[in-house]
Amino acid sequence: MAHTKLDKVTKVFTEDDGGEIVAVDEVSIDIDDGEFLVLVGPSGCGKSTTLRMVAGLESITSGTISLDDRTINDVPAKDRDIAMVFQSYALYPHMTVRENMSFGLEESTDMPDEEIRERVEETASMMGIENLLDRKPGELSGGQQQRVALGRSIVRDPSVFLMDEPLSNLDAKLRAEMRTELQQLQSELGTTTIYVTHDQTEAMTMGDRIAILNDGVLQQIATPLECYHQPNNLFVAGFMGEPAMNFIDVRRDGERLVTGDGALEYSLDEATLADLGEVTDLVLGVRPEDIEVVARSGSPADHEFEASVTVVEPKGNENNVYLDMNGIDLIAAVPGLRSIETGSTVRIRIPEAAIHLFDRTNGTALHNRRLDEELTADSPV
């Protein structure tokens, strides 16, 4: 186990024509000993490059990476006490599972053969692959190969695990199973882990904290629920969540938010207004699950609006309902047993306690949904 720290780490690639591409731009992350940190972001955001710099597979343009109190910028990959699991698993096809798992110990340590054998068999038993030790990778399923790749890293007993999208080649059901297994395994081993993924479900369910990258820049690092409910900016708000957060361009007019075409008027209380300062050009955000479909009786109350249903996507436990509210496209997520017909007109409520407001000019979050009424880990159920 090791306390791992990235301090203003930057990676610049030089193109053939002499131009420069900044893949990672002054990323600083402090990872606690034993923490499970997930690096997440869209393709090309710099997350795998960051992981490769920690591993020693990619040089650093500037900044420092340290394990405990040791700077490892110039330490060869083999001497960093780090184990990496690749997306492709990178197993030697001509070797058996036993030989694949033993190879790193045989090449990098002077551990006796008997001790290596015992460690490999013990790890194989932990991973549930003890009956596969004499098979070769070509005889294994994707899930079995993934377990072998993990086991090969575990036998080394490293200070840090690095995992680069290790579940992306598995089918959806097996991915879900392996997510749980990986979490349990990391908890049992207590090894500092940095896990790269583009899958926000993996990020939300697996990480102690999430570091969200975009275009090489760190956007936010926080717990999964903080990133989801209290995003730093428009990018984080839109990236986290499926379906994505609904966004509406609005302008502040006194105590109301209005759209340019008058399709929406939304009143704000004093606490929300205080968060906005002098900013008038805003983006209103609301997550699909926070849009309520309410009974249509009498005139719409405050924060209630009429909308037509354009598409309904049944998902079993919930339905995604696509809405047209005076020319504004919205998605609401409603319980799966709720019957809503395409083409019907419904009334929706957008509670003020659930809205987010962003500066339209720079994307900064000015106001996030209120969490004082949410259940916390210590709240009675």
Protein backbone atom coordinates (compact mmCIF):
# COMPACT_ATOMS: atom_id res chain seq x y z
CA MET A 1 0.00 0.00 0.00
CA ALA A 2 1.18 3.54 -0.69
CA HIS A 3 0.10 7.14 -0.50
CA THR A 4 0.22 8.28 -4.14
CA LYS A 5 0.45 11.90 -5.21
CA LEU A 6 0.36 13.63 -8.58
CA ASP A 7 1.51 17.26 -8.41
CA LYS A 8 0.83 19.39 -11.51
CA VAL A 9 1.56 16.45 -13.80
CA THR A 10 1.64 17.45 -17.48
CA LYS A 11 2.15 15.45 -20.64
CA VAL A 12 2.78 17.14 -23.99
CA PHE A 13 3.10 15.13 -27.21
CA THR A 14 5.01 16.58 -30.15
CA GLU A 15 3.54 15.95 -33.60
CA ASP A 16 5.55 15.24 -36.74
CA ASP A 17 5.09 18.82 -37.92
CA GLY A 18 6.42 20.19 -34.63
CA GLY A 19 3.04 21.04 -33.18
CA GLU A 20 2.22 20.16 -29.59
CA ILE A 21 -0.74 18.36 -28.07
CA VAL A 22 -1.32 18.78 -24.34
CA ALA A 23 -2.76 15.42 -23.33
CA VAL A 24 -2.64 16.02 -19.56
CA ASP A 25 -2.56 19.56 -18.20
CA GLU A 26 -1.24 20.13 -14.64
CA VAL A 27 -3.28 17.38 -12.99
CA SER A 28 -2.91 17.25 -9.20
CA ILE A 29 -4.44 14.35 -7.26
CA ASP A 30 -3.68 13.17 -3.73
CA ILE A 31 -4.63 9.50 -3.32
CA ASP A 32 -4.82 8.10 0.18
CA ASP A 33 -3.17 4.85 1.20
CA GLY A 34 -5.67 2.07 0.43
CA GLU A 35 -8.05 4.32 -1.52
CA PHE A 36 -9.93 3.21 -4.64
CA LEU A 37 -9.77 6.18 -7.02
CA VAL A 38 -11.53 6.13 -10.38
CA LEU A 39 -10.29 8.27 -13.27
CA VAL A 40 -13.24 8.86 -15.58
CA GLY A 41 -13.95 10.93 -18.65
CA PRO A 42 -14.71 10.71 -22.37
CA SER A 43 -12.35 9.11 -24.89
CA GLY A 44 -9.22 11.20 -25.40
CA CYS A 45 -9.52 13.08 -22.10
CA GLY A 46 -6.08 11.95 -20.83
CA LYS A 47 -7.07 9.35 -18.25
CA SER A 48 -5.09 6.43 -19.73
CA THR A 49 -2.09 8.69 -20.36
CA THR A 50 -2.20 9.72 -16.69
CA LEU A 51 -2.28 6.07 -15.64
CA ARG A 52 0.63 5.22 -17.93
CA MET A 53 2.70 8.04 -16.43
CA VAL A 54 2.09 6.65 -12.94
CA ALA A 55 3.10 3.20 -14.21
CA GLY A 56 6.29 4.53 -15.79
CA LEU A 57 5.21 3.55 -19.30
CA GLU A 58 4.99 7.19 -20.38
CA SER A 59 7.43 9.97 -19.56
CA ILE A 60 6.32 13.10 -17.74
CA THR A 61 6.75 16.49 -19.39
CA SER A 62 6.52 18.37 -16.08
CA GLY A 63 5.29 17.89 -12.52
CA THR A 64 6.00 15.11 -10.06
CA ILE A 65 4.58 11.72 -9.15
CA SER A 66 5.42 10.28 -5.74
CA LEU A 67 4.74 7.10 -3.80
CA ASP A 68 4.81 7.86 -0.09
CA ASP A 69 7.77 10.26 0.13
CA ARG A 70 9.65 8.96 -2.93
CA THR A 71 9.51 10.84 -6.22
CA ILE A 72 9.32 8.26 -9.01
CA ASN A 73 9.47 10.43 -12.15
CA ASP A 74 12.70 8.80 -13.31
CA VAL A 75 12.31 5.41 -11.64
CA PRO A 76 12.00 2.57 -14.22
CA ALA A 77 8.60 0.92 -14.40
CA LYS A 78 9.95 -2.39 -13.06
CA ASP A 79 11.24 -0.70 -9.89
CA ARG A 80 8.10 1.25 -8.99
CA ASP A 81 6.35 -1.55 -7.04
CA ILE A 82 3.26 -0.99 -9.18
CA ALA A 83 1.15 -3.62 -10.96
CA MET A 84 -1.01 -2.80 -13.96
CA VAL A 85 -4.00 -4.60 -15.46
CA PHE A 86 -4.52 -3.72 -19.12
CA GLN A 87 -7.72 -3.54 -21.14
CA SER A 88 -6.44 -6.31 -23.42
CA TYR A 89 -5.31 -8.42 -20.40
CA ALA A 90 -1.89 -8.84 -22.16
CA LEU A 91 -1.54 -12.54 -21.28
CA TYR A 92 1.22 -14.60 -22.91
CA PRO A 93 -0.69 -16.96 -25.24
CA HIS A 94 1.98 -19.69 -25.22
CA MET A 95 2.09 -19.89 -21.42
CA THR A 96 -0.33 -21.62 -19.06
CA VAL A 97 -2.25 -19.64 -16.46
CA ARG A 98 0.27 -20.79 -13.83
CA GLU A 99 3.18 -19.62 -15.98
CA ASN A 100 1.52 -16.28 -16.72
CA MET A 101 0.97 -15.63 -13.03
CA SER A 102 4.48 -16.78 -12.06
CA PHE A 103 6.40 -14.95 -14.77
CA GLY A 104 6.65 -11.54 -13.11
CA LEU A 105 7.89 -13.00 -9.83
CA GLU A 106 10.43 -15.20 -11.57
CA GLU A 107 11.86 -12.31 -13.59
CA SER A 108 11.85 -9.53 -11.00
CA THR A 109 12.51 -11.30 -7.67
CA ASP A 110 14.78 -13.96 -6.21
CA MET A 111 11.83 -15.69 -4.55
CA PRO A 112 12.28 -19.49 -4.32
CA ASP A 113 10.26 -21.56 -6.79
CA GLU A 114 8.29 -23.23 -4.03
CA GLU A 115 7.24 -19.88 -2.54
CA ILE A 116 6.20 -18.64 -6.00
CA ARG A 117 4.15 -21.80 -6.52
CA GLU A 118 2.41 -21.37 -3.17
CA ARG A 119 1.66 -17.70 -3.80
CA VAL A 120 0.28 -18.41 -7.28
CA GLU A 121 -1.96 -21.21 -6.04
CA GLU A 122 -3.18 -19.13 -3.10
CA THR A 123 -4.03 -16.20 -5.41
CA ALA A 124 -5.68 -18.50 -7.96
CA SER A 125 -7.88 -19.89 -5.20
CA MET A 126 -8.81 -16.33 -4.16
CA MET A 127 -9.77 -15.52 -7.77
CA GLY A 128 -11.70 -18.79 -8.26
CA ILE A 129 -9.42 -19.97 -11.08
CA GLU A 130 -7.48 -22.71 -9.28
CA ASN A 131 -8.88 -25.30 -11.72
CA LEU A 132 -7.57 -23.31 -14.71
CA LEU A 133 -3.86 -23.20 -13.80
CA ASP A 134 -2.81 -25.66 -16.49
CA ARG A 135 -4.84 -24.10 -19.30
CA LYS A 136 -3.64 -21.52 -21.80
CA PRO A 137 -5.37 -18.16 -22.40
CA GLY A 138 -6.90 -19.31 -25.68
CA GLU A 139 -8.88 -21.93 -23.76
CA LEU A 140 -10.42 -19.37 -21.39
CA SER A 141 -13.49 -17.14 -21.58
CA GLY A 142 -13.17 -13.36 -21.35
CA GLY A 143 -14.12 -13.35 -17.68
CA GLN A 144 -11.58 -16.07 -16.89
CA GLN A 145 -8.83 -14.20 -18.74
CA GLN A 146 -9.70 -11.08 -16.79
CA ARG A 147 -9.35 -12.98 -13.50
CA VAL A 148 -5.97 -14.34 -14.61
CA ALA A 149 -4.78 -10.82 -15.45
CA LEU A 150 -5.89 -9.62 -12.01
CA GLY A 151 -4.30 -12.61 -10.33
CA ARG A 152 -1.01 -11.97 -12.11
CA SER A 153 -0.98 -8.50 -10.55
CA ILE A 154 -2.07 -9.66 -7.10
CA VAL A 155 0.71 -12.25 -6.72
CA ARG A 156 3.25 -9.42 -6.87
CA ASP A 157 1.71 -7.80 -3.76
CA PRO A 158 2.34 -4.29 -5.16
CA SER A 159 1.99 -0.97 -3.37
CA VAL A 160 -0.39 0.30 -6.05
CA PHE A 161 -2.78 -1.36 -8.53
CA LEU A 162 -3.39 0.39 -11.84
CA MET A 163 -6.35 -0.80 -13.91
CA ASP A 164 -6.98 0.48 -17.44
CA GLU A 165 -10.60 -0.30 -18.39
CA PRO A 166 -10.23 -3.97 -17.40
CA LEU A 167 -13.95 -4.75 -17.79
CA SER A 168 -14.61 -3.12 -21.15
CA ASN A 169 -14.25 -6.38 -23.12
CA LEU A 170 -16.86 -8.24 -21.06
CA ASP A 171 -20.59 -8.47 -21.70
CA ALA A 172 -22.95 -6.35 -19.59
CA LYS A 173 -23.95 -9.09 -17.11
CA LEU A 174 -20.38 -10.21 -16.49
CA ARG A 175 -19.23 -6.59 -16.14
CA ALA A 176 -21.77 -6.08 -13.37
CA GLU A 177 -20.60 -9.23 -11.58
CA MET A 178 -16.93 -8.30 -11.92
CA ARG A 179 -17.56 -4.79 -10.60
CA THR A 180 -18.75 -6.32 -7.34
CA GLU A 181 -15.87 -8.81 -7.24
CA LEU A 182 -13.28 -6.10 -7.83
CA GLN A 183 -14.70 -3.94 -5.05
CA GLN A 184 -14.66 -6.85 -2.61
CA LEU A 185 -11.15 -7.83 -3.66
CA GLN A 186 -9.76 -4.32 -3.27
CA SER A 187 -11.42 -4.00 0.13
CA GLU A 188 -9.87 -7.28 1.29
CA LEU A 189 -6.39 -6.46 -0.03
CA GLY A 190 -6.46 -2.81 1.03
CA THR A 191 -4.16 -1.88 -1.86
CA THR A 192 -4.21 1.65 -3.26
CA THR A 193 -5.97 1.39 -6.62
CA ILE A 194 -6.28 3.77 -9.57
CA TYR A 195 -8.95 2.59 -11.99
CA VAL A 196 -9.54 4.12 -15.43
CA THR A 197 -12.90 3.91 -17.16
CA HIS A 198 -15.16 5.87 -19.49
CA ASP A 199 -18.19 4.12 -17.96
CA GLN A 200 -19.86 6.38 -15.42
CA THR A 201 -21.71 3.41 -13.88
CA GLU A 202 -18.37 1.84 -12.98
CA ALA A 203 -17.18 5.18 -11.62
CA MET A 204 -20.28 5.75 -9.50
CA THR A 205 -20.44 2.23 -8.07
CA MET A 206 -16.77 1.42 -7.53
CA GLY A 207 -14.81 4.47 -6.48
CA ASP A 208 -14.21 5.91 -3.03
CA ARG A 209 -13.64 9.09 -5.02
CA ILE A 210 -13.92 10.01 -8.69
CA ALA A 211 -11.51 12.22 -10.63
CA ILE A 212 -13.24 13.56 -13.74
CA LEU A 213 -11.06 14.65 -16.67
CA ASN A 214 -11.91 16.51 -19.87
CA ASP A 215 -9.39 17.58 -22.52
CA GLY A 216 -6.56 16.74 -20.12
CA VAL A 217 -7.86 19.04 -17.38
CA LEU A 218 -9.11 17.81 -14.00
CA GLN A 219 -12.70 19.02 -13.66
CA GLN A 220 -13.58 17.68 -10.21
CA ILE A 221 -12.41 15.16 -7.66
CA ALA A 222 -14.91 14.12 -5.01
CA THR A 223 -17.06 11.23 -3.82
CA PRO A 224 -19.44 9.76 -6.43
CA LEU A 225 -22.50 11.34 -4.82
CA GLU A 226 -20.82 14.74 -4.56
CA CYS A 227 -19.92 14.64 -8.26
CA TYR A 228 -23.48 13.65 -9.12
CA HIS A 229 -25.40 16.05 -6.87
CA GLN A 230 -22.89 18.88 -6.53
CA PRO A 231 -21.03 19.14 -9.85
CA ASN A 232 -18.39 21.84 -10.22
CA ASN A 233 -19.46 22.82 -13.71
CA LEU A 234 -21.62 22.10 -16.73
CA PHE A 235 -19.29 19.41 -18.04
CA VAL A 236 -19.41 17.33 -14.85
CA ALA A 237 -23.16 17.82 -14.55
CA GLY A 238 -23.72 16.64 -18.11
CA PHE A 239 -21.21 13.79 -18.01
CA MET A 240 -22.43 12.15 -14.81
CA GLY A 241 -25.82 10.51 -15.07
CA GLU A 242 -27.76 8.50 -17.64
CA PRO A 243 -29.98 9.92 -19.02
CA ALA A 244 -27.98 13.13 -18.78
CA MET A 245 -29.07 16.21 -16.89
CA ASN A 246 -31.54 18.45 -18.72
CA PHE A 247 -30.19 21.93 -19.54
CA ILE A 248 -32.17 25.07 -20.44
CA ASP A 249 -30.58 28.41 -21.36
CA VAL A 250 -32.24 31.07 -19.24
CA ARG A 251 -31.83 34.68 -18.20
CA ARG A 252 -32.40 36.10 -14.74
CA ASP A 253 -35.12 38.73 -14.69
CA GLY A 254 -35.54 39.98 -11.16
CA GLU A 255 -36.68 37.02 -9.08
CA ARG A 256 -37.48 34.86 -12.09
CA LEU A 257 -35.68 32.84 -14.72
CA VAL A 258 -37.00 33.30 -18.23
CA THR A 259 -36.14 31.96 -21.67
CA GLY A 260 -35.62 34.30 -24.59
CA ASP A 261 -38.81 33.17 -26.33
CA GLY A 262 -40.94 33.29 -23.19
CA ALA A 263 -41.45 29.51 -23.17
CA LEU A 264 -40.44 29.27 -19.52
CA GLU A 265 -40.85 31.43 -16.44
CA TYR A 266 -39.46 30.06 -13.21
CA SER A 267 -39.53 31.88 -9.88
CA LEU A 268 -36.66 31.62 -7.38
CA ASP A 269 -36.56 32.02 -3.61
CA GLU A 270 -34.12 34.29 -1.80
CA ALA A 271 -31.63 31.54 -0.93
CA THR A 272 -31.27 30.50 -4.58
CA LEU A 273 -31.04 34.13 -5.77
CA ALA A 274 -28.25 34.81 -3.26
CA ASP A 275 -26.10 32.11 -4.89
CA LEU A 276 -26.28 33.80 -8.29
CA GLY A 277 -24.65 37.09 -7.39
CA GLU A 278 -24.70 39.46 -10.37
CA VAL A 279 -24.76 36.74 -13.03
CA THR A 280 -27.78 37.00 -15.32
CA ASP A 281 -26.98 34.64 -18.23
CA LEU A 282 -27.54 31.18 -16.81
CA VAL A 283 -28.16 27.53 -17.59
CA LEU A 284 -30.89 25.80 -15.59
CA GLY A 285 -30.18 22.11 -14.96
CA VAL A 286 -32.45 19.39 -13.62
CA ARG A 287 -31.90 15.65 -13.56
CA PRO A 288 -34.53 13.44 -15.25
CA GLU A 289 -35.42 11.67 -12.00
CA ASP A 290 -36.19 15.03 -10.36
CA ILE A 291 -38.86 15.99 -12.89
CA GLU A 292 -42.21 14.94 -11.42
CA VAL A 293 -45.25 14.03 -13.50
CA VAL A 294 -48.23 15.27 -11.46
CA ALA A 295 -52.00 15.13 -11.70
CA ARG A 296 -53.62 17.61 -14.10
CA SER A 297 -56.23 19.43 -12.07
CA GLY A 298 -56.90 23.17 -12.09
CA SER A 299 -54.31 25.66 -13.23
CA PRO A 300 -50.60 24.77 -12.97
CA ALA A 301 -49.11 25.67 -9.60
CA ASP A 302 -45.72 27.35 -9.13
CA HIS A 303 -42.96 25.39 -10.93
CA GLU A 304 -45.55 23.31 -12.82
CA PHE A 305 -45.75 23.22 -16.61
CA GLU A 306 -47.71 21.53 -19.39
CA ALA A 307 -45.72 19.26 -21.73
CA SER A 308 -46.45 16.85 -24.55
CA VAL A 309 -45.01 13.32 -24.56
CA THR A 310 -43.00 12.62 -27.71
CA VAL A 311 -41.38 9.25 -26.88
CA VAL A 312 -41.58 6.74 -24.02
CA GLU A 313 -38.67 4.35 -23.45
CA PRO A 314 -39.69 1.47 -21.14
CA LYS A 315 -36.73 0.14 -19.12
CA GLY A 316 -38.57 -2.09 -16.67
CA ASN A 317 -37.83 -0.43 -13.37
CA GLU A 318 -38.40 3.02 -14.87
CA ASN A 319 -39.48 4.74 -18.07
CA ASN A 320 -37.61 7.50 -19.83
CA VAL A 321 -40.24 9.99 -20.96
CA TYR A 322 -39.22 12.48 -23.65
CA LEU A 323 -41.13 15.74 -23.35
CA ASP A 324 -41.74 18.87 -25.39
CA MET A 325 -42.43 21.80 -23.05
CA ASN A 326 -43.24 24.78 -25.26
CA GLY A 327 -40.39 23.90 -27.61
CA ILE A 328 -37.98 22.91 -24.80
CA ASP A 329 -36.87 19.27 -24.96
CA LEU A 330 -36.72 17.45 -21.62
CA ILE A 331 -36.30 13.88 -20.38
CA ALA A 332 -38.07 12.67 -17.25
CA ALA A 333 -37.43 9.34 -15.53
CA VAL A 334 -40.61 7.97 -13.96
CA PRO A 335 -41.38 4.67 -12.19
CA GLY A 336 -41.77 1.72 -14.56
CA LEU A 337 -45.34 0.95 -13.42
CA ARG A 338 -46.46 4.47 -14.29
CA SER A 339 -48.40 4.36 -17.56
CA ILE A 340 -47.71 7.36 -19.80
CA GLU A 341 -48.72 7.33 -23.46
CA THR A 342 -46.81 8.80 -26.39
CA GLY A 343 -48.72 11.80 -27.74
CA SER A 344 -50.44 12.59 -24.46
CA THR A 345 -50.22 15.88 -22.58
CA VAL A 346 -48.94 15.77 -19.01
CA ARG A 347 -48.21 18.23 -16.26
CA ILE A 348 -44.71 18.25 -14.81
CA ARG A 349 -43.20 19.83 -11.74
CA ILE A 350 -39.59 20.97 -11.52
CA PRO A 351 -38.97 21.42 -7.76
CA GLU A 352 -36.71 24.33 -6.90
CA ALA A 353 -34.92 22.16 -4.32
CA ALA A 354 -33.71 19.94 -7.19
CA ILE A 355 -32.44 22.50 -9.68
CA HIS A 356 -28.86 23.42 -10.60
CA LEU A 357 -27.79 26.78 -12.01
CA PHE A 358 -24.61 27.45 -13.98
CA ASP A 359 -22.91 30.54 -15.33
CA ARG A 360 -23.60 30.30 -19.05
CA THR A 361 -20.37 32.14 -19.90
CA ASN A 362 -17.85 29.86 -18.18
CA GLY A 363 -19.93 26.85 -17.09
CA THR A 364 -19.19 27.25 -13.39
CA ALA A 365 -21.82 25.90 -10.99
CA LEU A 366 -23.39 28.73 -9.00
CA HIS A 367 -26.13 26.75 -7.29
CA ASN A 368 -26.54 23.00 -6.82
CA ARG A 369 -29.51 21.02 -5.61
CA ARG A 370 -30.13 21.05 -1.89
CA LEU A 371 -29.04 17.92 -0.09
CA ASP A 372 -30.18 18.80 3.43
CA GLU A 373 -33.27 16.65 2.97
CA GLU A 374 -31.43 13.71 1.40
CA LEU A 375 -30.72 10.52 3.34
CA THR A 376 -27.13 10.32 4.55
CA ALA A 377 -25.23 7.28 5.80
CA ASP A 378 -26.05 8.26 9.38
CA SER A 379 -29.72 9.09 8.80
CA PRO A 380 -32.37 6.75 10.21
CA VAL A 381 -34.16 4.68 7.59
